[in-house]
Amino acid sequence: MRKEYREIKSAAREQLETAHNPVIRGAVMAVDKVKSETQWTKAVREMKKYDAEFDLEELPFEAEEVFREFYCNYLAGNKDYLKLCSTGSASVL
């Protein structure tokens, strides 16, 4: 049953992709665009691999906090902290 379904689906997709009707071609292109993955969605998916609770809306606030911490340590001359942040895995922090 699954094999037949896949064959029917494949045949229908092939007919749609080779259609000469401009309306059908436009619809196929629109569906492909909607289903395509953007660079943003790829990046968010990768971030969620490292942090399951990652929230894109919180990113600017978290980035500001990280920058502030790093910059304050830079101004204070805390070379050990800077070295720890700049080398190896960030997960050791």
PDB file of N, CA and C in Angstrom:
ATOM      1  N   MET A   1       0.825  -1.192   0.000  1.00  0.00           N
ATOM      2  CA  MET A   1       0.000   0.000   0.000  1.00  0.00           C
ATOM      3  C   MET A   1       0.870   1.258   0.000  1.00  0.00           C
ATOM      4  N   ARG A   2       1.908   1.265   0.838  1.00  0.00           N
ATOM      5  CA  ARG A   2       2.788   2.428   0.893  1.00  0.00           C
ATOM      6  C   ARG A   2       3.527   2.622  -0.431  1.00  0.00           C
ATOM      7  N   LYS A   3       3.936   1.516  -1.016  1.00  0.00           N
ATOM      8  CA  LYS A   3       4.653   1.592  -2.277  1.00  0.00           C
ATOM      9  C   LYS A   3       3.761   2.211  -3.361  1.00  0.00           C
ATOM     10  N   GLU A   4       2.510   1.791  -3.402  1.00  0.00           N
ATOM     11  CA  GLU A   4       1.572   2.335  -4.383  1.00  0.00           C
ATOM     12  C   GLU A   4       1.352   3.833  -4.152  1.00  0.00           C
ATOM     13  N   TYR A   5       1.232   4.205  -2.889  1.00  0.00           N
ATOM     14  CA  TYR A   5       1.049   5.623  -2.545  1.00  0.00           C
ATOM     15  C   TYR A   5       2.241   6.432  -3.024  1.00  0.00           C
ATOM     16  N   ARG A   6       3.467   5.951  -2.750  1.00  0.00           N
ATOM     17  CA  ARG A   6       4.668   6.655  -3.175  1.00  0.00           C
ATOM     18  C   ARG A   6       4.728   6.787  -4.698  1.00  0.00           C
ATOM     19  N   GLU A   7       4.327   5.742  -5.403  1.00  0.00           N
ATOM     20  CA  GLU A   7       4.346   5.766  -6.865  1.00  0.00           C
ATOM     21  C   GLU A   7       3.344   6.790  -7.406  1.00  0.00           C
ATOM     22  N   ILE A   8       2.150   6.799  -6.826  1.00  0.00           N
ATOM     23  CA  ILE A   8       1.124   7.762  -7.248  1.00  0.00           C
ATOM     24  C   ILE A   8       1.595   9.187  -6.952  1.00  0.00           C
ATOM     25  N   LYS A   9       2.149   9.390  -5.779  1.00  0.00           N
ATOM     26  CA  LYS A   9       2.634  10.710  -5.393  1.00  0.00           C
ATOM     27  C   LYS A   9       3.764  11.158  -6.324  1.00  0.00           C
ATOM     28  N   SER A  10       4.672  10.264  -6.628  1.00  0.00           N
ATOM     29  CA  SER A  10       5.781  10.579  -7.518  1.00  0.00           C
ATOM     30  C   SER A  10       5.286  10.923  -8.924  1.00  0.00           C
ATOM     31  N   ALA A  11       4.333  10.150  -9.422  1.00  0.00           N
ATOM     32  CA  ALA A  11       3.784  10.402 -10.763  1.00  0.00           C
ATOM     33  C   ALA A  11       3.067  11.746 -10.799  1.00  0.00           C
ATOM     34  N   ALA A  12       2.314  12.063  -9.759  1.00  0.00           N
ATOM     35  CA  ALA A  12       1.597  13.341  -9.709  1.00  0.00           C
ATOM     36  C   ALA A  12       2.585  14.503  -9.653  1.00  0.00           C
ATOM     37  N   ARG A  13       3.618  14.353  -8.856  1.00  0.00           N
ATOM     38  CA  ARG A  13       4.635  15.415  -8.741  1.00  0.00           C
ATOM     39  C   ARG A  13       5.326  15.637 -10.092  1.00  0.00           C
ATOM     40  N   GLU A  14       5.639  14.553 -10.778  1.00  0.00           N
ATOM     41  CA  GLU A  14       6.288  14.650 -12.088  1.00  0.00           C
ATOM     42  C   GLU A  14       5.388  15.372 -13.089  1.00  0.00           C
ATOM     43  N   GLN A  15       4.098  15.051 -13.059  1.00  0.00           N
ATOM     44  CA  GLN A  15       3.161  15.714 -13.976  1.00  0.00           C
ATOM     45  C   GLN A  15       3.076  17.210 -13.674  1.00  0.00           C
ATOM     46  N   LEU A  16       3.050  17.545 -12.395  1.00  0.00           N
ATOM     47  CA  LEU A  16       2.982  18.953 -12.014  1.00  0.00           C
ATOM     48  C   LEU A  16       4.250  19.696 -12.425  1.00  0.00           C
ATOM     49  N   GLU A  17       5.409  19.073 -12.230  1.00  0.00           N
ATOM     50  CA  GLU A  17       6.678  19.727 -12.543  1.00  0.00           C
ATOM     51  C   GLU A  17       6.899  19.896 -14.045  1.00  0.00           C
ATOM     52  N   THR A  18       6.302  19.039 -14.845  1.00  0.00           N
ATOM     53  CA  THR A  18       6.491  19.123 -16.301  1.00  0.00           C
ATOM     54  C   THR A  18       5.314  19.785 -17.007  1.00  0.00           C
ATOM     55  N   ALA A  19       4.356  20.294 -16.250  1.00  0.00           N
ATOM     56  CA  ALA A  19       3.180  20.930 -16.841  1.00  0.00           C
ATOM     57  C   ALA A  19       3.581  22.199 -17.589  1.00  0.00           C
ATOM     58  N   HIS A  20       2.890  22.482 -18.664  1.00  0.00           N
ATOM     59  CA  HIS A  20       3.150  23.682 -19.455  1.00  0.00           C
ATOM     60  C   HIS A  20       2.182  24.809 -19.111  1.00  0.00           C
ATOM     61  N   ASN A  21       1.171  24.504 -18.318  1.00  0.00           N
ATOM     62  CA  ASN A  21       0.187  25.499 -17.920  1.00  0.00           C
ATOM     63  C   ASN A  21       0.848  26.487 -16.945  1.00  0.00           C
ATOM     64  N   PRO A  22       0.849  27.785 -17.266  1.00  0.00           N
ATOM     65  CA  PRO A  22       1.508  28.767 -16.396  1.00  0.00           C
ATOM     66  C   PRO A  22       0.887  28.862 -14.999  1.00  0.00           C
ATOM     67  N   VAL A  23      -0.388  28.599 -14.881  1.00  0.00           N
ATOM     68  CA  VAL A  23      -1.039  28.645 -13.566  1.00  0.00           C
ATOM     69  C   VAL A  23      -0.513  27.504 -12.698  1.00  0.00           C
ATOM     70  N   ILE A  24      -0.420  26.321 -13.266  1.00  0.00           N
ATOM     71  CA  ILE A  24       0.097  25.163 -12.522  1.00  0.00           C
ATOM     72  C   ILE A  24       1.561  25.394 -12.169  1.00  0.00           C
ATOM     73  N   ARG A  25       2.357  25.890 -13.107  1.00  0.00           N
ATOM     74  CA  ARG A  25       3.779  26.163 -12.847  1.00  0.00           C
ATOM     75  C   ARG A  25       3.920  27.173 -11.709  1.00  0.00           C
ATOM     76  N   GLY A  26       3.093  28.214 -11.736  1.00  0.00           N
ATOM     77  CA  GLY A  26       3.129  29.214 -10.680  1.00  0.00           C
ATOM     78  C   GLY A  26       2.763  28.629  -9.329  1.00  0.00           C
ATOM     79  N   ALA A  27       1.755  27.766  -9.316  1.00  0.00           N
ATOM     80  CA  ALA A  27       1.338  27.130  -8.062  1.00  0.00           C
ATOM     81  C   ALA A  27       2.445  26.227  -7.525  1.00  0.00           C
ATOM     82  N   VAL A  28       3.085  25.465  -8.406  1.00  0.00           N
ATOM     83  CA  VAL A  28       4.179  24.579  -7.981  1.00  0.00           C
ATOM     84  C   VAL A  28       5.325  25.406  -7.397  1.00  0.00           C
ATOM     85  N   MET A  29       5.662  26.506  -8.061  1.00  0.00           N
ATOM     86  CA  MET A  29       6.740  27.365  -7.563  1.00  0.00           C
ATOM     87  C   MET A  29       6.382  27.981  -6.209  1.00  0.00           C
ATOM     88  N   ALA A  30       5.121  28.368  -6.046  1.00  0.00           N
ATOM     89  CA  ALA A  30       4.686  28.952  -4.774  1.00  0.00           C
ATOM     90  C   ALA A  30       4.769  27.934  -3.645  1.00  0.00           C
ATOM     91  N   VAL A  31       4.318  26.719  -3.914  1.00  0.00           N
ATOM     92  CA  VAL A  31       4.383  25.660  -2.898  1.00  0.00           C
ATOM     93  C   VAL A  31       5.830  25.357  -2.546  1.00  0.00           C
ATOM     94  N   ASP A  32       6.699  25.270  -3.548  1.00  0.00           N
ATOM     95  CA  ASP A  32       8.115  25.016  -3.289  1.00  0.00           C
ATOM     96  C   ASP A  32       8.734  26.118  -2.435  1.00  0.00           C
ATOM     97  N   LYS A  33       8.360  27.350  -2.720  1.00  0.00           N
ATOM     98  CA  LYS A  33       8.913  28.472  -1.949  1.00  0.00           C
ATOM     99  C   LYS A  33       8.440  28.431  -0.496  1.00  0.00           C
ATOM    100  N   VAL A  34       7.181  28.123  -0.298  1.00  0.00           N
ATOM    101  CA  VAL A  34       6.633  28.054   1.058  1.00  0.00           C
ATOM    102  C   VAL A  34       7.275  26.916   1.842  1.00  0.00           C
ATOM    103  N   LYS A  35       7.518  25.805   1.178  1.00  0.00           N
ATOM    104  CA  LYS A  35       8.079  24.638   1.852  1.00  0.00           C
ATOM    105  C   LYS A  35       9.595  24.705   2.010  1.00  0.00           C
ATOM    106  N   SER A  36      10.242  25.627   1.293  1.00  0.00           N
ATOM    107  CA  SER A  36      11.702  25.696   1.356  1.00  0.00           C
ATOM    108  C   SER A  36      12.157  26.231   2.708  1.00  0.00           C
ATOM    109  N   GLU A  37      13.315  25.820   3.091  1.00  0.00           N
ATOM    110  CA  GLU A  37      13.865  26.222   4.372  1.00  0.00           C
ATOM    111  C   GLU A  37      14.763  27.444   4.178  1.00  0.00           C
ATOM    112  N   THR A  38      14.542  28.459   4.988  1.00  0.00           N
ATOM    113  CA  THR A  38      15.351  29.670   4.882  1.00  0.00           C
ATOM    114  C   THR A  38      16.609  29.534   5.728  1.00  0.00           C
ATOM    115  N   GLN A  39      17.534  30.449   5.530  1.00  0.00           N
ATOM    116  CA  GLN A  39      18.756  30.467   6.337  1.00  0.00           C
ATOM    117  C   GLN A  39      18.421  30.679   7.819  1.00  0.00           C
ATOM    118  N   TRP A  40      17.387  31.483   8.068  1.00  0.00           N
ATOM    119  CA  TRP A  40      16.974  31.735   9.456  1.00  0.00           C
ATOM    120  C   TRP A  40      16.499  30.451  10.130  1.00  0.00           C
ATOM    121  N   THR A  41      15.647  29.697   9.426  1.00  0.00           N
ATOM    122  CA  THR A  41      15.125  28.475  10.050  1.00  0.00           C
ATOM    123  C   THR A  41      16.228  27.452  10.250  1.00  0.00           C
ATOM    124  N   LYS A  42      17.181  27.398   9.329  1.00  0.00           N
ATOM    125  CA  LYS A  42      18.326  26.494   9.508  1.00  0.00           C
ATOM    126  C   LYS A  42      19.141  26.893  10.728  1.00  0.00           C
ATOM    127  N   ALA A  43      19.391  28.193  10.872  1.00  0.00           N
ATOM    128  CA  ALA A  43      20.181  28.677  11.996  1.00  0.00           C
ATOM    129  C   ALA A  43      19.481  28.399  13.332  1.00  0.00           C
ATOM    130  N   VAL A  44      18.183  28.653  13.374  1.00  0.00           N
ATOM    131  CA  VAL A  44      17.433  28.406  14.615  1.00  0.00           C
ATOM    132  C   VAL A  44      17.439  26.919  14.954  1.00  0.00           C
ATOM    133  N   ARG A  45      17.275  26.066  13.952  1.00  0.00           N
ATOM    134  CA  ARG A  45      17.309  24.619  14.193  1.00  0.00           C
ATOM    135  C   ARG A  45      18.665  24.202  14.763  1.00  0.00           C
ATOM    136  N   GLU A  46      19.751  24.750  14.225  1.00  0.00           N
ATOM    137  CA  GLU A  46      21.089  24.432  14.723  1.00  0.00           C
ATOM    138  C   GLU A  46      21.260  24.915  16.158  1.00  0.00           C
ATOM    139  N   MET A  47      20.761  26.118  16.463  1.00  0.00           N
ATOM    140  CA  MET A  47      20.864  26.639  17.826  1.00  0.00           C
ATOM    141  C   MET A  47      20.091  25.763  18.807  1.00  0.00           C
ATOM    142  N   LYS A  48      18.935  25.256  18.377  1.00  0.00           N
ATOM    143  CA  LYS A  48      18.129  24.409  19.254  1.00  0.00           C
ATOM    144  C   LYS A  48      18.782  23.048  19.501  1.00  0.00           C
ATOM    145  N   LYS A  49      19.704  22.643  18.644  1.00  0.00           N
ATOM    146  CA  LYS A  49      20.460  21.410  18.896  1.00  0.00           C
ATOM    147  C   LYS A  49      21.332  21.572  20.138  1.00  0.00           C
ATOM    148  N   TYR A  50      21.857  22.790  20.332  1.00  0.00           N
ATOM    149  CA  TYR A  50      22.722  23.062  21.475  1.00  0.00           C
ATOM    150  C   TYR A  50      21.947  23.494  22.711  1.00  0.00           C
ATOM    151  N   ASP A  51      20.814  24.137  22.492  1.00  0.00           N
ATOM    152  CA  ASP A  51      19.996  24.642  23.599  1.00  0.00           C
ATOM    153  C   ASP A  51      18.531  24.446  23.243  1.00  0.00           C
ATOM    154  N   ALA A  52      17.917  23.427  23.830  1.00  0.00           N
ATOM    155  CA  ALA A  52      16.529  23.085  23.504  1.00  0.00           C
ATOM    156  C   ALA A  52      15.559  24.221  23.832  1.00  0.00           C
ATOM    157  N   GLU A  53      15.943  25.111  24.747  1.00  0.00           N
ATOM    158  CA  GLU A  53      15.081  26.219  25.141  1.00  0.00           C
ATOM    159  C   GLU A  53      15.421  27.513  24.402  1.00  0.00           C
ATOM    160  N   PHE A  54      16.215  27.416  23.337  1.00  0.00           N
ATOM    161  CA  PHE A  54      16.611  28.607  22.569  1.00  0.00           C
ATOM    162  C   PHE A  54      15.383  29.341  22.061  1.00  0.00           C
ATOM    163  N   ASP A  55      15.406  30.668  22.235  1.00  0.00           N
ATOM    164  CA  ASP A  55      14.296  31.516  21.786  1.00  0.00           C
ATOM    165  C   ASP A  55      14.884  32.662  20.973  1.00  0.00           C
ATOM    166  N   LEU A  56      14.538  32.723  19.713  1.00  0.00           N
ATOM    167  CA  LEU A  56      15.086  33.737  18.817  1.00  0.00           C
ATOM    168  C   LEU A  56      14.791  35.149  19.308  1.00  0.00           C
ATOM    169  N   GLU A  57      13.650  35.358  19.920  1.00  0.00           N
ATOM    170  CA  GLU A  57      13.291  36.686  20.408  1.00  0.00           C
ATOM    171  C   GLU A  57      14.155  37.113  21.594  1.00  0.00           C
ATOM    172  N   GLU A  58      14.694  36.167  22.331  1.00  0.00           N
ATOM    173  CA  GLU A  58      15.555  36.469  23.470  1.00  0.00           C
ATOM    174  C   GLU A  58      17.010  36.666  23.062  1.00  0.00           C
ATOM    175  N   LEU A  59      17.364  36.268  21.835  1.00  0.00           N
ATOM    176  CA  LEU A  59      18.755  36.311  21.388  1.00  0.00           C
ATOM    177  C   LEU A  59      19.398  37.687  21.519  1.00  0.00           C
ATOM    178  N   PRO A  60      18.760  38.782  21.103  1.00  0.00           N
ATOM    179  CA  PRO A  60      19.428  40.092  21.244  1.00  0.00           C
ATOM    180  C   PRO A  60      19.767  40.436  22.694  1.00  0.00           C
ATOM    181  N   PHE A  61      18.898  40.081  23.626  1.00  0.00           N
ATOM    182  CA  PHE A  61      19.135  40.380  25.036  1.00  0.00           C
ATOM    183  C   PHE A  61      20.285  39.526  25.588  1.00  0.00           C
ATOM    184  N   GLU A  62      20.289  38.250  25.205  1.00  0.00           N
ATOM    185  CA  GLU A  62      21.360  37.362  25.652  1.00  0.00           C
ATOM    186  C   GLU A  62      22.692  37.770  25.038  1.00  0.00           C
ATOM    187  N   ALA A  63      22.693  38.134  23.762  1.00  0.00           N
ATOM    188  CA  ALA A  63      23.926  38.558  23.091  1.00  0.00           C
ATOM    189  C   ALA A  63      24.465  39.834  23.741  1.00  0.00           C
ATOM    190  N   GLU A  64      23.586  40.747  24.096  1.00  0.00           N
ATOM    191  CA  GLU A  64      24.018  41.981  24.761  1.00  0.00           C
ATOM    192  C   GLU A  64      24.664  41.669  26.107  1.00  0.00           C
ATOM    193  N   GLU A  65      24.070  40.744  26.835  1.00  0.00           N
ATOM    194  CA  GLU A  65      24.613  40.366  28.143  1.00  0.00           C
ATOM    195  C   GLU A  65      25.983  39.705  28.009  1.00  0.00           C
ATOM    196  N   VAL A  66      26.125  38.825  27.024  1.00  0.00           N
ATOM    197  CA  VAL A  66      27.408  38.163  26.788  1.00  0.00           C
ATOM    198  C   VAL A  66      28.457  39.195  26.395  1.00  0.00           C
ATOM    199  N   PHE A  67      28.087  40.103  25.486  1.00  0.00           N
ATOM    200  CA  PHE A  67      29.027  41.150  25.068  1.00  0.00           C
ATOM    201  C   PHE A  67      29.437  42.012  26.256  1.00  0.00           C
ATOM    202  N   ARG A  68      28.466  42.413  27.060  1.00  0.00           N
ATOM    203  CA  ARG A  68      28.758  43.268  28.218  1.00  0.00           C
ATOM    204  C   ARG A  68      29.749  42.574  29.159  1.00  0.00           C
ATOM    205  N   GLU A  69      29.520  41.291  29.436  1.00  0.00           N
ATOM    206  CA  GLU A  69      30.410  40.532  30.324  1.00  0.00           C
ATOM    207  C   GLU A  69      31.819  40.445  29.736  1.00  0.00           C
ATOM    208  N   PHE A  70      31.887  40.114  28.451  1.00  0.00           N
ATOM    209  CA  PHE A  70      33.184  39.988  27.792  1.00  0.00           C
ATOM    210  C   PHE A  70      33.918  41.345  27.780  1.00  0.00           C
ATOM    211  N   TYR A  71      33.197  42.409  27.426  1.00  0.00           N
ATOM    212  CA  TYR A  71      33.811  43.733  27.315  1.00  0.00           C
ATOM    213  C   TYR A  71      34.274  44.250  28.676  1.00  0.00           C
ATOM    214  N   CYS A  72      33.486  44.037  29.703  1.00  0.00           N
ATOM    215  CA  CYS A  72      33.880  44.480  31.050  1.00  0.00           C
ATOM    216  C   CYS A  72      35.152  43.755  31.498  1.00  0.00           C
ATOM    217  N   ASN A  73      35.230  42.470  31.205  1.00  0.00           N
ATOM    218  CA  ASN A  73      36.441  41.718  31.555  1.00  0.00           C
ATOM    219  C   ASN A  73      37.632  42.172  30.717  1.00  0.00           C
ATOM    220  N   TYR A  74      37.380  42.551  29.475  1.00  0.00           N
ATOM    221  CA  TYR A  74      38.446  43.084  28.625  1.00  0.00           C
ATOM    222  C   TYR A  74      38.986  44.392  29.212  1.00  0.00           C
ATOM    223  N   LEU A  75      38.067  45.303  29.602  1.00  0.00           N
ATOM    224  CA  LEU A  75      38.482  46.586  30.166  1.00  0.00           C
ATOM    225  C   LEU A  75      39.204  46.404  31.498  1.00  0.00           C
ATOM    226  N   ALA A  76      38.814  45.380  32.266  1.00  0.00           N
ATOM    227  CA  ALA A  76      39.436  45.113  33.557  1.00  0.00           C
ATOM    228  C   ALA A  76      40.773  44.388  33.395  1.00  0.00           C
ATOM    229  N   GLY A  77      41.089  43.968  32.189  1.00  0.00           N
ATOM    230  CA  GLY A  77      42.356  43.269  31.958  1.00  0.00           C
ATOM    231  C   GLY A  77      42.354  41.835  32.439  1.00  0.00           C
ATOM    232  N   ASN A  78      41.187  41.226  32.530  1.00  0.00           N
ATOM    233  CA  ASN A  78      41.069  39.845  33.002  1.00  0.00           C
ATOM    234  C   ASN A  78      41.425  38.885  31.858  1.00  0.00           C
ATOM    235  N   LYS A  79      42.730  38.689  31.652  1.00  0.00           N
ATOM    236  CA  LYS A  79      43.206  37.876  30.539  1.00  0.00           C
ATOM    237  C   LYS A  79      42.793  36.411  30.671  1.00  0.00           C
ATOM    238  N   ASP A  80      42.707  35.911  31.901  1.00  0.00           N
ATOM    239  CA  ASP A  80      42.305  34.514  32.095  1.00  0.00           C
ATOM    240  C   ASP A  80      40.881  34.281  31.584  1.00  0.00           C
ATOM    241  N   TYR A  81      39.979  35.203  31.900  1.00  0.00           N
ATOM    242  CA  TYR A  81      38.592  35.091  31.430  1.00  0.00           C
ATOM    243  C   TYR A  81      38.530  35.181  29.913  1.00  0.00           C
ATOM    244  N   LEU A  82      39.261  36.140  29.348  1.00  0.00           N
ATOM    245  CA  LEU A  82      39.255  36.316  27.896  1.00  0.00           C
ATOM    246  C   LEU A  82      39.816  35.093  27.189  1.00  0.00           C
ATOM    247  N   LYS A  83      40.876  34.523  27.755  1.00  0.00           N
ATOM    248  CA  LYS A  83      41.466  33.322  27.162  1.00  0.00           C
ATOM    249  C   LYS A  83      40.483  32.158  27.241  1.00  0.00           C
ATOM    250  N   LEU A  84      39.805  32.027  28.362  1.00  0.00           N
ATOM    251  CA  LEU A  84      38.821  30.960  28.538  1.00  0.00           C
ATOM    252  C   LEU A  84      37.683  31.103  27.523  1.00  0.00           C
ATOM    253  N   CYS A  85      37.245  32.332  27.271  1.00  0.00           N
ATOM    254  CA  CYS A  85      36.163  32.578  26.319  1.00  0.00           C
ATOM    255  C   CYS A  85      36.614  32.419  24.877  1.00  0.00           C
ATOM    256  N   SER A  86      37.858  32.661  24.615  1.00  0.00           N
ATOM    257  CA  SER A  86      38.349  32.690  23.228  1.00  0.00           C
ATOM    258  C   SER A  86      38.929  31.386  22.736  1.00  0.00           C
ATOM    259  N   THR A  87      39.142  30.439  23.606  1.00  0.00           N
ATOM    260  CA  THR A  87      39.737  29.159  23.193  1.00  0.00           C
ATOM    261  C   THR A  87      38.897  28.010  23.699  1.00  0.00           C
ATOM    262  N   GLY A  88      38.970  26.904  23.019  1.00  0.00           N
ATOM    263  CA  GLY A  88      38.283  25.700  23.465  1.00  0.00           C
ATOM    264  C   GLY A  88      36.781  25.794  23.335  1.00  0.00           C
ATOM    265  N   SER A  89      36.105  24.960  24.067  1.00  0.00           N
ATOM    266  CA  SER A  89      34.657  24.866  24.022  1.00  0.00           C
ATOM    267  C   SER A  89      34.015  25.916  24.908  1.00  0.00           C
ATOM    268  N   ALA A  90      33.004  26.577  24.402  1.00  0.00           N
ATOM    269  CA  ALA A  90      32.293  27.591  25.195  1.00  0.00           C
ATOM    270  C   ALA A  90      31.496  26.963  26.324  1.00  0.00           C
ATOM    271  N   SER A  91      31.267  25.673  26.262  1.00  0.00           N
ATOM    272  CA  SER A  91      30.456  25.017  27.287  1.00  0.00           C
ATOM    273  C   SER A  91      31.173  24.923  28.633  1.00  0.00           C
ATOM    274  N   VAL A  92      32.484  25.200  28.683  1.00  0.00           N
ATOM    275  CA  VAL A  92      33.203  25.139  29.944  1.00  0.00           C
ATOM    276  C   VAL A  92      32.898  26.331  30.832  1.00  0.00           C
ATOM    277  N   LEU A  93      32.281  27.356  30.253  1.00  0.00           N
ATOM    278  CA  LEU A  93      31.924  28.540  31.049  1.00  0.00           C
ATOM    279  C   LEU A  93      30.735  28.191  31.868  1.00  0.00           C
TER     280      LEU A  93
END
